Amino acid sequence: MADIAGVRILYTGDYSREEDCHLCAAEIPQFSPDICVIESTYGVQLHQPRNVREKCFTDVIHSTISQGGRVLIPAFALGRAQ
């Protein structure tokens, strides 16, 4: 958070309130900024529960490998790659 001429500005990158295996859920700050700038790549989208998405993902990987295939997983962001 930055305080500029008495105006409190909070800037945050993309975040999630959902806990996962590698990252803690974002915490709600104990202060009220005057201005809040938030990156929100998927801010208005509804997703299936994490366990459903993970099962689908691992099922495809297992199926591909069991058929002699190879899997390459490109990832553009650290949190998504873990």
C-alpha atoms as a PDB file:
ATOM      1  CA  MET A   1       0.000   0.000   0.000  1.00  0.00           C
ATOM      2  CA  ALA A   2       1.169   3.506  -0.730  1.00  0.00           C
ATOM      3  CA  ASP A   3       0.122   6.689   0.998  1.00  0.00           C
ATOM      4  CA  ILE A   4       0.310   9.671  -1.344  1.00  0.00           C
ATOM      5  CA  ALA A   5      -0.773  13.022   0.067  1.00  0.00           C
ATOM      6  CA  GLY A   6      -3.039  11.275   2.559  1.00  0.00           C
ATOM      7  CA  VAL A   7      -4.671   9.039  -0.065  1.00  0.00           C
ATOM      8  CA  ARG A   8      -4.172   5.337   0.652  1.00  0.00           C
ATOM      9  CA  ILE A   9      -3.689   3.320  -2.551  1.00  0.00           C
ATOM     10  CA  LEU A  10      -3.581  -0.474  -2.551  1.00  0.00           C
ATOM     11  CA  TYR A  11      -2.244  -2.272  -5.637  1.00  0.00           C
ATOM     12  CA  THR A  12      -2.311  -6.038  -5.915  1.00  0.00           C
ATOM     13  CA  GLY A  13      -1.674  -8.532  -8.660  1.00  0.00           C
ATOM     14  CA  ASP A  14      -4.069 -11.346  -9.449  1.00  0.00           C
ATOM     15  CA  TYR A  15      -5.010 -13.251  -6.300  1.00  0.00           C
ATOM     16  CA  SER A  16      -7.212 -16.085  -5.117  1.00  0.00           C
ATOM     17  CA  ARG A  17      -9.199 -16.541  -1.937  1.00  0.00           C
ATOM     18  CA  GLU A  18      -9.060 -20.304  -2.550  1.00  0.00           C
ATOM     19  CA  GLU A  19      -6.353 -22.258  -0.733  1.00  0.00           C
ATOM     20  CA  ASP A  20      -4.402 -24.767  -2.829  1.00  0.00           C
ATOM     21  CA  CYS A  21      -1.519 -27.211  -2.384  1.00  0.00           C
ATOM     22  CA  HIS A  22       1.199 -24.596  -2.924  1.00  0.00           C
ATOM     23  CA  LEU A  23      -0.203 -21.155  -2.195  1.00  0.00           C
ATOM     24  CA  CYS A  24      -2.131 -19.758   0.744  1.00  0.00           C
ATOM     25  CA  ALA A  25      -5.384 -17.945   0.113  1.00  0.00           C
ATOM     26  CA  ALA A  26      -5.077 -14.174  -0.090  1.00  0.00           C
ATOM     27  CA  GLU A  27      -5.701 -12.414   3.193  1.00  0.00           C
ATOM     28  CA  ILE A  28      -8.149  -9.566   3.585  1.00  0.00           C
ATOM     29  CA  PRO A  29      -6.196  -6.458   4.639  1.00  0.00           C
ATOM     30  CA  GLN A  30      -7.011  -4.929   8.021  1.00  0.00           C
ATOM     31  CA  PHE A  31      -7.305  -1.437   6.546  1.00  0.00           C
ATOM     32  CA  SER A  32      -9.565   0.311   4.056  1.00  0.00           C
ATOM     33  CA  PRO A  33      -7.724   1.891   1.131  1.00  0.00           C
ATOM     34  CA  ASP A  34      -9.169   4.934  -0.607  1.00  0.00           C
ATOM     35  CA  ILE A  35      -8.230   3.471  -3.995  1.00  0.00           C
ATOM     36  CA  CYS A  36      -7.770  -0.202  -4.826  1.00  0.00           C
ATOM     37  CA  VAL A  37      -6.209  -1.401  -8.108  1.00  0.00           C
ATOM     38  CA  ILE A  38      -6.571  -5.157  -8.673  1.00  0.00           C
ATOM     39  CA  GLU A  39      -5.484  -7.384 -11.535  1.00  0.00           C
ATOM     40  CA  SER A  40      -8.384  -9.735 -12.230  1.00  0.00           C
ATOM     41  CA  THR A  41      -7.646 -12.163 -15.037  1.00  0.00           C
ATOM     42  CA  TYR A  42     -10.578 -14.418 -14.116  1.00  0.00           C
ATOM     43  CA  GLY A  43     -12.394 -12.048 -11.772  1.00  0.00           C
ATOM     44  CA  VAL A  44     -15.871 -12.596 -13.183  1.00  0.00           C
ATOM     45  CA  GLN A  45     -15.655 -16.250 -14.205  1.00  0.00           C
ATOM     46  CA  LEU A  46     -17.034 -19.200 -12.285  1.00  0.00           C
ATOM     47  CA  HIS A  47     -14.829 -22.284 -12.192  1.00  0.00           C
ATOM     48  CA  GLN A  48     -15.511 -25.902 -11.372  1.00  0.00           C
ATOM     49  CA  PRO A  49     -14.260 -26.933  -7.934  1.00  0.00           C
ATOM     50  CA  ARG A  50     -10.482 -27.435  -7.808  1.00  0.00           C
ATOM     51  CA  ASN A  51     -10.752 -31.181  -7.132  1.00  0.00           C
ATOM     52  CA  VAL A  52     -12.872 -31.635 -10.289  1.00  0.00           C
ATOM     53  CA  ARG A  53     -10.397 -29.651 -12.416  1.00  0.00           C
ATOM     54  CA  GLU A  54      -7.412 -31.530 -10.963  1.00  0.00           C
ATOM     55  CA  LYS A  55      -9.057 -34.914 -11.591  1.00  0.00           C
ATOM     56  CA  CYS A  56      -9.809 -34.034 -15.217  1.00  0.00           C
ATOM     57  CA  PHE A  57      -6.234 -32.789 -15.678  1.00  0.00           C
ATOM     58  CA  THR A  58      -4.605 -35.868 -14.147  1.00  0.00           C
ATOM     59  CA  ASP A  59      -6.970 -38.220 -16.019  1.00  0.00           C
ATOM     60  CA  VAL A  60      -5.803 -36.768 -19.347  1.00  0.00           C
ATOM     61  CA  ILE A  61      -2.152 -37.114 -18.304  1.00  0.00           C
ATOM     62  CA  HIS A  62      -2.597 -40.743 -17.170  1.00  0.00           C
ATOM     63  CA  SER A  63      -4.496 -41.617 -20.338  1.00  0.00           C
ATOM     64  CA  THR A  64      -1.841 -40.051 -22.570  1.00  0.00           C
ATOM     65  CA  ILE A  65       1.068 -41.764 -20.788  1.00  0.00           C
ATOM     66  CA  SER A  66      -0.674 -45.147 -20.652  1.00  0.00           C
ATOM     67  CA  GLN A  67      -1.028 -44.982 -24.442  1.00  0.00           C
ATOM     68  CA  GLY A  68       2.699 -44.317 -24.842  1.00  0.00           C
ATOM     69  CA  GLY A  69       2.325 -40.582 -25.309  1.00  0.00           C
ATOM     70  CA  ARG A  70       4.218 -37.710 -23.769  1.00  0.00           C
ATOM     71  CA  VAL A  71       2.887 -34.704 -21.919  1.00  0.00           C
ATOM     72  CA  LEU A  72       4.279 -31.189 -22.113  1.00  0.00           C
ATOM     73  CA  ILE A  73       2.615 -28.631 -19.864  1.00  0.00           C
ATOM     74  CA  PRO A  74       3.382 -25.036 -20.859  1.00  0.00           C
ATOM     75  CA  ALA A  75       2.849 -22.583 -18.019  1.00  0.00           C
ATOM     76  CA  PHE A  76       3.044 -18.816 -18.148  1.00  0.00           C
ATOM     77  CA  ALA A  77       2.757 -18.058 -14.444  1.00  0.00           C
ATOM     78  CA  LEU A  78       4.365 -19.540 -11.350  1.00  0.00           C
ATOM     79  CA  GLY A  79       1.136 -20.089  -9.412  1.00  0.00           C
ATOM     80  CA  ARG A  80      -0.415 -21.943 -12.327  1.00  0.00           C
ATOM     81  CA  ALA A  81       2.634 -24.146 -12.869  1.00  0.00           C
ATOM     82  CA  GLN A  82       2.868 -25.517  -9.345  1.00  0.00           C
END
